[in-house]
Amino acid sequence: MYRVGTGLDFHRLLPDKDRPLILGGYIIESELALQGHSDADILLHSISDAILGALSLGDIGDYFPDTDMAHKNMDSTIIVKKALQLIKEKNYSLVNMDATIIGEGPKIAPHREQIRKSLSKILCIKLENVSVKATTTEKMGAIGRQEGIGVITTVLVQKIS
């Protein structure tokens, strides 16, 4: 049996030389950073929500509420590891993931392969099963004004016999 999940996340993008801009566990050199309670890795958040959605297990806020100071500046790989643990507990495995990063900048193309490699390692799936794309909003709205970035992710999970 197969199940599909979708995750969606948005975070503000602000000038901050002291906070790294992290996407998929990969640090992008930038004077901008994503604002959030954790390390604000929206790509890992979106993937985690997609996994939880595929298994009908709620969302990351159920497991890591942003009101809990224990999660302040937390490494988002911890969130993904929890989602992967839940996959195993439910006797499923992650087949593949496909993510689209939505924003005017930073440009993703120069970092795409490193992000994919990082995700492959974090998710423990083959690189060929990790897709990362990017698009803009053609300068429309808050994302078009570079006030933030969004990510939408789809995952496929398979029941293990």
Protein backbone atom coordinates (compact mmCIF):
# COMPACT_ATOMS: atom_id res chain seq x y z
CA MET A 1 0.00 0.00 0.00
CA TYR A 2 1.20 3.49 -0.86
CA ARG A 3 0.30 6.79 0.78
CA VAL A 4 1.04 10.35 -0.35
CA GLY A 5 1.59 13.38 1.87
CA THR A 6 1.96 17.09 1.22
CA GLY A 7 3.77 19.61 3.38
CA LEU A 8 3.77 23.38 3.11
CA ASP A 9 5.77 25.93 5.09
CA PHE A 10 6.57 29.63 4.93
CA HIS A 11 9.03 31.74 6.93
CA ARG A 12 10.02 35.40 6.90
CA LEU A 13 13.34 36.25 5.27
CA LEU A 14 15.30 38.94 7.13
CA PRO A 15 18.77 40.47 7.02
CA ASP A 16 20.79 38.65 9.71
CA LYS A 17 24.50 38.01 9.29
CA ASP A 18 24.64 36.02 12.54
CA ARG A 19 21.99 33.41 11.67
CA PRO A 20 22.67 30.90 8.87
CA LEU A 21 20.25 30.43 5.99
CA ILE A 22 19.62 26.67 5.99
CA LEU A 23 17.67 24.73 3.37
CA GLY A 24 17.53 20.95 3.55
CA GLY A 25 20.31 20.84 6.12
CA TYR A 26 22.60 22.76 3.76
CA ILE A 27 23.90 26.21 4.70
CA ILE A 28 23.68 28.84 1.97
CA GLU A 29 26.06 31.78 2.36
CA SER A 30 23.81 34.82 2.57
CA GLU A 31 23.27 38.04 4.47
CA LEU A 32 19.64 36.93 4.75
CA ALA A 33 18.24 34.33 7.13
CA LEU A 34 14.90 32.70 7.74
CA GLN A 35 13.13 33.71 10.92
CA GLY A 36 11.69 30.96 13.08
CA HIS A 37 11.53 29.32 16.48
CA SER A 38 13.87 26.51 15.41
CA ASP A 39 16.71 26.94 12.90
CA ALA A 40 13.89 27.78 10.41
CA ASP A 41 14.87 25.17 7.81
CA ILE A 42 11.59 25.38 5.93
CA LEU A 43 12.56 22.62 3.54
CA LEU A 44 12.97 20.12 6.39
CA HIS A 45 9.77 21.42 7.99
CA SER A 46 7.82 20.91 4.78
CA ILE A 47 9.24 17.40 4.32
CA SER A 48 8.39 16.50 7.92
CA ASP A 49 4.81 17.73 7.53
CA ALA A 50 4.48 15.78 4.28
CA ILE A 51 5.62 12.58 6.00
CA LEU A 52 3.29 13.16 8.95
CA GLY A 53 0.45 13.90 6.54
CA ALA A 54 1.03 10.70 4.57
CA LEU A 55 0.65 8.77 7.82
CA SER A 56 -2.27 10.88 9.16
CA LEU A 57 -0.21 11.83 12.21
CA GLY A 58 -0.87 15.57 12.41
CA ASP A 59 1.84 18.14 11.85
CA ILE A 60 5.18 19.16 13.32
CA GLY A 61 3.48 21.57 15.73
CA ASP A 62 1.94 18.55 17.46
CA TYR A 63 5.43 17.19 18.23
CA PHE A 64 7.53 20.37 18.38
CA PRO A 65 5.29 23.32 19.37
CA ASP A 66 6.82 26.74 18.81
CA THR A 67 5.58 27.74 22.26
CA ASP A 68 8.06 25.34 23.90
CA MET A 69 11.36 27.06 24.61
CA ALA A 70 13.09 23.65 24.60
CA HIS A 71 12.78 23.82 20.80
CA LYS A 72 14.24 27.33 20.47
CA ASN A 73 16.91 27.36 17.69
CA MET A 74 16.62 23.55 17.43
CA ASP A 75 18.30 21.79 14.51
CA SER A 76 15.44 20.85 12.17
CA THR A 77 17.06 17.51 11.35
CA ILE A 78 15.67 16.45 14.76
CA ILE A 79 12.16 17.10 13.42
CA VAL A 80 12.81 14.99 10.31
CA LYS A 81 14.35 12.18 12.39
CA LYS A 82 11.16 12.09 14.48
CA ALA A 83 9.06 11.84 11.31
CA LEU A 84 11.32 9.04 10.02
CA GLN A 85 11.01 7.23 13.36
CA LEU A 86 7.21 7.41 13.06
CA ILE A 87 7.40 5.99 9.52
CA LYS A 88 9.23 2.94 10.88
CA GLU A 89 6.83 2.57 13.81
CA LYS A 90 3.90 2.51 11.36
CA ASN A 91 5.75 -0.09 9.24
CA TYR A 92 6.22 2.19 6.23
CA SER A 93 9.27 3.39 4.32
CA LEU A 94 9.93 6.64 2.49
CA VAL A 95 10.01 6.05 -1.27
CA ASN A 96 10.71 9.54 -2.60
CA MET A 97 10.21 13.24 -2.03
CA ASP A 98 9.70 16.18 -4.33
CA ALA A 99 10.00 19.76 -3.08
CA THR A 100 9.52 23.15 -4.69
CA ILE A 101 11.11 26.16 -3.02
CA ILE A 102 9.17 29.37 -3.70
CA GLY A 103 11.03 32.68 -3.53
CA GLU A 104 12.85 35.40 -5.40
CA GLY A 105 16.16 34.68 -3.71
CA PRO A 106 18.55 33.34 -2.88
CA LYS A 107 18.85 31.52 -6.17
CA ILE A 108 18.56 27.77 -5.60
CA ALA A 109 20.10 26.45 -8.83
CA PRO A 110 23.74 26.94 -7.70
CA HIS A 111 22.96 24.98 -4.49
CA ARG A 112 20.48 22.39 -5.76
CA GLU A 113 22.81 19.39 -5.93
CA GLN A 114 24.29 20.05 -2.49
CA ILE A 115 20.80 20.42 -1.03
CA ARG A 116 19.74 17.15 -2.71
CA LYS A 117 22.82 15.34 -1.35
CA SER A 118 22.16 16.68 2.13
CA LEU A 119 18.52 15.55 1.95
CA SER A 120 19.47 12.12 0.63
CA LYS A 121 21.73 11.65 3.63
CA ILE A 122 19.23 13.01 6.18
CA LEU A 123 16.30 11.02 4.75
CA CYS A 124 18.35 7.84 4.17
CA ILE A 125 17.08 7.49 0.60
CA LYS A 126 18.92 7.38 -2.71
CA LEU A 127 19.79 10.68 -4.37
CA GLU A 128 17.72 9.67 -7.42
CA ASN A 129 14.64 9.72 -5.14
CA VAL A 130 15.18 13.31 -3.98
CA SER A 131 13.88 16.16 -6.13
CA VAL A 132 14.36 19.85 -5.36
CA LYS A 133 13.09 22.57 -7.65
CA ALA A 134 12.60 26.31 -7.33
CA THR A 135 10.25 28.92 -8.67
CA THR A 136 9.45 32.57 -8.09
CA THR A 137 6.18 34.43 -7.75
CA GLU A 138 7.24 36.78 -10.57
CA LYS A 139 7.72 39.48 -7.92
CA MET A 140 4.07 39.28 -6.79
CA GLY A 141 3.08 39.51 -3.13
CA ALA A 142 5.16 39.24 0.04
CA ILE A 143 7.35 36.46 -1.36
CA GLY A 144 7.86 38.50 -4.52
CA ARG A 145 9.08 41.39 -2.36
CA GLN A 146 11.59 38.96 -0.78
CA GLU A 147 9.86 39.13 2.60
CA GLY A 148 9.90 35.34 2.86
CA ILE A 149 10.30 31.94 1.27
CA GLY A 150 7.86 29.06 0.95
CA VAL A 151 8.24 25.36 0.29
CA ILE A 152 5.75 22.74 -0.83
CA THR A 153 6.73 19.08 -0.63
CA THR A 154 5.14 15.81 -1.68
CA VAL A 155 6.31 12.45 -0.36
CA LEU A 156 5.42 8.88 -1.18
CA VAL A 157 5.56 6.25 1.54
CA GLN A 158 5.11 2.50 1.09
CA LYS A 159 3.87 -0.11 3.54
CA ILE A 160 6.56 -2.67 4.32
CA SER A 161 5.32 -6.25 3.98
